[in-house]
Amino acid sequence: MDKDLLNQKIQNRYRGLLRVSEPLAQKDEMRSIREAFHYAMDACDGKKTSSGEPCIFHALAIARIVAEEIGLGSTSIISALLYNIVEVTNSTREELEKK
């Protein structure tokens, strides 16, 4: 997939997540969601799931389900964005907890 197209798809999914998260999160919590997304983006850079899709697509999809369909708040949205990072990257759980 063309890098520009991939980045556009990621941005569209990210904006969709932010839209559905806004009613569930305070301003400072939205900042934390954005930080978690950027951390996940950096950690997932170039990595793919077993199905071949970019790792970040799966994280965004799970986070959106958590927010939109289940109605959980920012802690759950952040957890959904970061839950698979340790498995697909060299990050440790301790590094995630510090963030």
C-alpha atoms as a PDB file:
ATOM      1  CA  MET A   1       0.000   0.000   0.000  1.00  0.00           C
ATOM      2  CA  ASP A   2       1.237   3.474  -0.868  1.00  0.00           C
ATOM      3  CA  LYS A   3       2.621   5.250   2.224  1.00  0.00           C
ATOM      4  CA  ASP A   4       0.479   8.373   1.693  1.00  0.00           C
ATOM      5  CA  LEU A   5      -2.664   6.264   1.339  1.00  0.00           C
ATOM      6  CA  LEU A   6      -1.741   4.268   4.436  1.00  0.00           C
ATOM      7  CA  ASN A   7      -1.182   7.456   6.450  1.00  0.00           C
ATOM      8  CA  GLN A   8      -4.530   8.837   5.251  1.00  0.00           C
ATOM      9  CA  LYS A   9      -6.331   5.655   6.331  1.00  0.00           C
ATOM     10  CA  ILE A  10      -4.653   5.767   9.727  1.00  0.00           C
ATOM     11  CA  GLN A  11      -5.593   9.444  10.191  1.00  0.00           C
ATOM     12  CA  ASN A  12      -9.208   8.765   9.197  1.00  0.00           C
ATOM     13  CA  ARG A  13      -9.500   5.932  11.716  1.00  0.00           C
ATOM     14  CA  TYR A  14      -7.784   8.010  14.386  1.00  0.00           C
ATOM     15  CA  ARG A  15     -10.137  10.966  13.828  1.00  0.00           C
ATOM     16  CA  GLY A  16     -13.089   8.574  14.015  1.00  0.00           C
ATOM     17  CA  LEU A  17     -11.825   7.289  17.351  1.00  0.00           C
ATOM     18  CA  LEU A  18     -11.438  10.834  18.676  1.00  0.00           C
ATOM     19  CA  ARG A  19     -14.984  11.698  17.556  1.00  0.00           C
ATOM     20  CA  VAL A  20     -16.555   8.789  19.425  1.00  0.00           C
ATOM     21  CA  SER A  21     -14.282   9.313  22.458  1.00  0.00           C
ATOM     22  CA  GLU A  22     -15.096  12.986  23.054  1.00  0.00           C
ATOM     23  CA  PRO A  23     -18.421  12.405  24.838  1.00  0.00           C
ATOM     24  CA  LEU A  24     -16.761   9.824  27.095  1.00  0.00           C
ATOM     25  CA  ALA A  25     -13.624  11.702  28.138  1.00  0.00           C
ATOM     26  CA  GLN A  26     -12.585  14.965  29.750  1.00  0.00           C
ATOM     27  CA  LYS A  27     -10.138  17.319  28.022  1.00  0.00           C
ATOM     28  CA  ASP A  28      -7.086  15.957  29.889  1.00  0.00           C
ATOM     29  CA  GLU A  29      -8.224  12.396  29.169  1.00  0.00           C
ATOM     30  CA  MET A  30      -8.443  13.209  25.460  1.00  0.00           C
ATOM     31  CA  ARG A  31      -4.837  14.384  25.664  1.00  0.00           C
ATOM     32  CA  SER A  32      -3.903  11.016  27.181  1.00  0.00           C
ATOM     33  CA  ILE A  33      -5.748   9.198  24.378  1.00  0.00           C
ATOM     34  CA  ARG A  34      -3.792  11.213  21.815  1.00  0.00           C
ATOM     35  CA  GLU A  35      -0.518  10.433  23.595  1.00  0.00           C
ATOM     36  CA  ALA A  36      -1.369   6.709  23.654  1.00  0.00           C
ATOM     37  CA  PHE A  37      -2.147   6.792  19.936  1.00  0.00           C
ATOM     38  CA  HIS A  38       1.163   8.476  19.116  1.00  0.00           C
ATOM     39  CA  TYR A  39       3.051   6.006  21.303  1.00  0.00           C
ATOM     40  CA  ALA A  40       1.281   3.108  19.560  1.00  0.00           C
ATOM     41  CA  MET A  41       2.035   4.628  16.149  1.00  0.00           C
ATOM     42  CA  ASP A  42       5.735   4.881  16.955  1.00  0.00           C
ATOM     43  CA  ALA A  43       5.832   1.383  18.426  1.00  0.00           C
ATOM     44  CA  CYS A  44       3.893  -0.178  15.534  1.00  0.00           C
ATOM     45  CA  ASP A  45       5.873   1.559  12.810  1.00  0.00           C
ATOM     46  CA  GLY A  46       5.980  -0.866   9.893  1.00  0.00           C
ATOM     47  CA  LYS A  47       4.766  -3.831  11.940  1.00  0.00           C
ATOM     48  CA  LYS A  48       1.877  -5.974  10.755  1.00  0.00           C
ATOM     49  CA  THR A  49      -0.553  -8.356  12.412  1.00  0.00           C
ATOM     50  CA  SER A  50      -0.682 -12.038  11.490  1.00  0.00           C
ATOM     51  CA  SER A  51      -3.376 -11.149   8.934  1.00  0.00           C
ATOM     52  CA  GLY A  52      -0.967  -8.727   7.226  1.00  0.00           C
ATOM     53  CA  GLU A  53      -2.658  -5.455   8.152  1.00  0.00           C
ATOM     54  CA  PRO A  54      -0.747  -2.675   9.920  1.00  0.00           C
ATOM     55  CA  CYS A  55      -0.646  -3.242  13.667  1.00  0.00           C
ATOM     56  CA  ILE A  56      -2.126   0.207  14.335  1.00  0.00           C
ATOM     57  CA  PHE A  57      -5.305  -0.634  12.365  1.00  0.00           C
ATOM     58  CA  HIS A  58      -6.147  -3.398  14.827  1.00  0.00           C
ATOM     59  CA  ALA A  59      -5.404  -1.205  17.847  1.00  0.00           C
ATOM     60  CA  LEU A  60      -7.622   1.587  16.486  1.00  0.00           C
ATOM     61  CA  ALA A  61     -10.428  -0.858  15.689  1.00  0.00           C
ATOM     62  CA  ILE A  62     -10.418  -2.312  19.207  1.00  0.00           C
ATOM     63  CA  ALA A  63     -10.266   1.160  20.780  1.00  0.00           C
ATOM     64  CA  ARG A  64     -13.224   2.293  18.685  1.00  0.00           C
ATOM     65  CA  ILE A  65     -15.288  -0.748  19.702  1.00  0.00           C
ATOM     66  CA  VAL A  66     -14.455  -0.044  23.351  1.00  0.00           C
ATOM     67  CA  ALA A  67     -15.610   3.573  22.998  1.00  0.00           C
ATOM     68  CA  GLU A  68     -18.450   3.432  20.495  1.00  0.00           C
ATOM     69  CA  GLU A  69     -20.089   0.061  21.052  1.00  0.00           C
ATOM     70  CA  ILE A  70     -19.338  -0.584  24.712  1.00  0.00           C
ATOM     71  CA  GLY A  71     -19.223   3.043  25.895  1.00  0.00           C
ATOM     72  CA  LEU A  72     -16.186   2.650  28.142  1.00  0.00           C
ATOM     73  CA  GLY A  73     -14.058   5.621  29.114  1.00  0.00           C
ATOM     74  CA  SER A  74     -10.560   6.870  28.506  1.00  0.00           C
ATOM     75  CA  THR A  75      -8.678   4.267  30.559  1.00  0.00           C
ATOM     76  CA  SER A  76     -10.229   1.475  28.514  1.00  0.00           C
ATOM     77  CA  ILE A  77      -9.667   3.326  25.231  1.00  0.00           C
ATOM     78  CA  ILE A  78      -5.996   3.834  26.093  1.00  0.00           C
ATOM     79  CA  SER A  79      -5.679   0.201  27.157  1.00  0.00           C
ATOM     80  CA  ALA A  80      -7.165  -0.899  23.850  1.00  0.00           C
ATOM     81  CA  LEU A  81      -4.664   1.223  21.925  1.00  0.00           C
ATOM     82  CA  LEU A  82      -1.725  -0.197  23.861  1.00  0.00           C
ATOM     83  CA  TYR A  83      -2.734  -3.754  24.774  1.00  0.00           C
ATOM     84  CA  ASN A  84      -0.804  -5.494  21.981  1.00  0.00           C
ATOM     85  CA  ILE A  85       2.272  -3.241  21.934  1.00  0.00           C
ATOM     86  CA  VAL A  86       4.427  -5.513  24.116  1.00  0.00           C
ATOM     87  CA  GLU A  87       3.716  -8.491  21.853  1.00  0.00           C
ATOM     88  CA  VAL A  88       4.498  -6.804  18.535  1.00  0.00           C
ATOM     89  CA  THR A  89       7.377  -4.558  19.598  1.00  0.00           C
ATOM     90  CA  ASN A  90      10.433  -4.538  21.812  1.00  0.00           C
ATOM     91  CA  SER A  91       8.615  -2.424  24.400  1.00  0.00           C
ATOM     92  CA  THR A  92       8.228  -3.750  27.916  1.00  0.00           C
ATOM     93  CA  ARG A  93       5.228  -3.513  30.184  1.00  0.00           C
ATOM     94  CA  GLU A  94       7.261  -1.297  32.511  1.00  0.00           C
ATOM     95  CA  GLU A  95       7.942   1.163  29.671  1.00  0.00           C
ATOM     96  CA  LEU A  96       4.226   1.355  28.929  1.00  0.00           C
ATOM     97  CA  GLU A  97       3.374   1.933  32.571  1.00  0.00           C
ATOM     98  CA  LYS A  98       5.837   4.849  32.729  1.00  0.00           C
ATOM     99  CA  LYS A  99       4.116   6.527  29.785  1.00  0.00           C
END
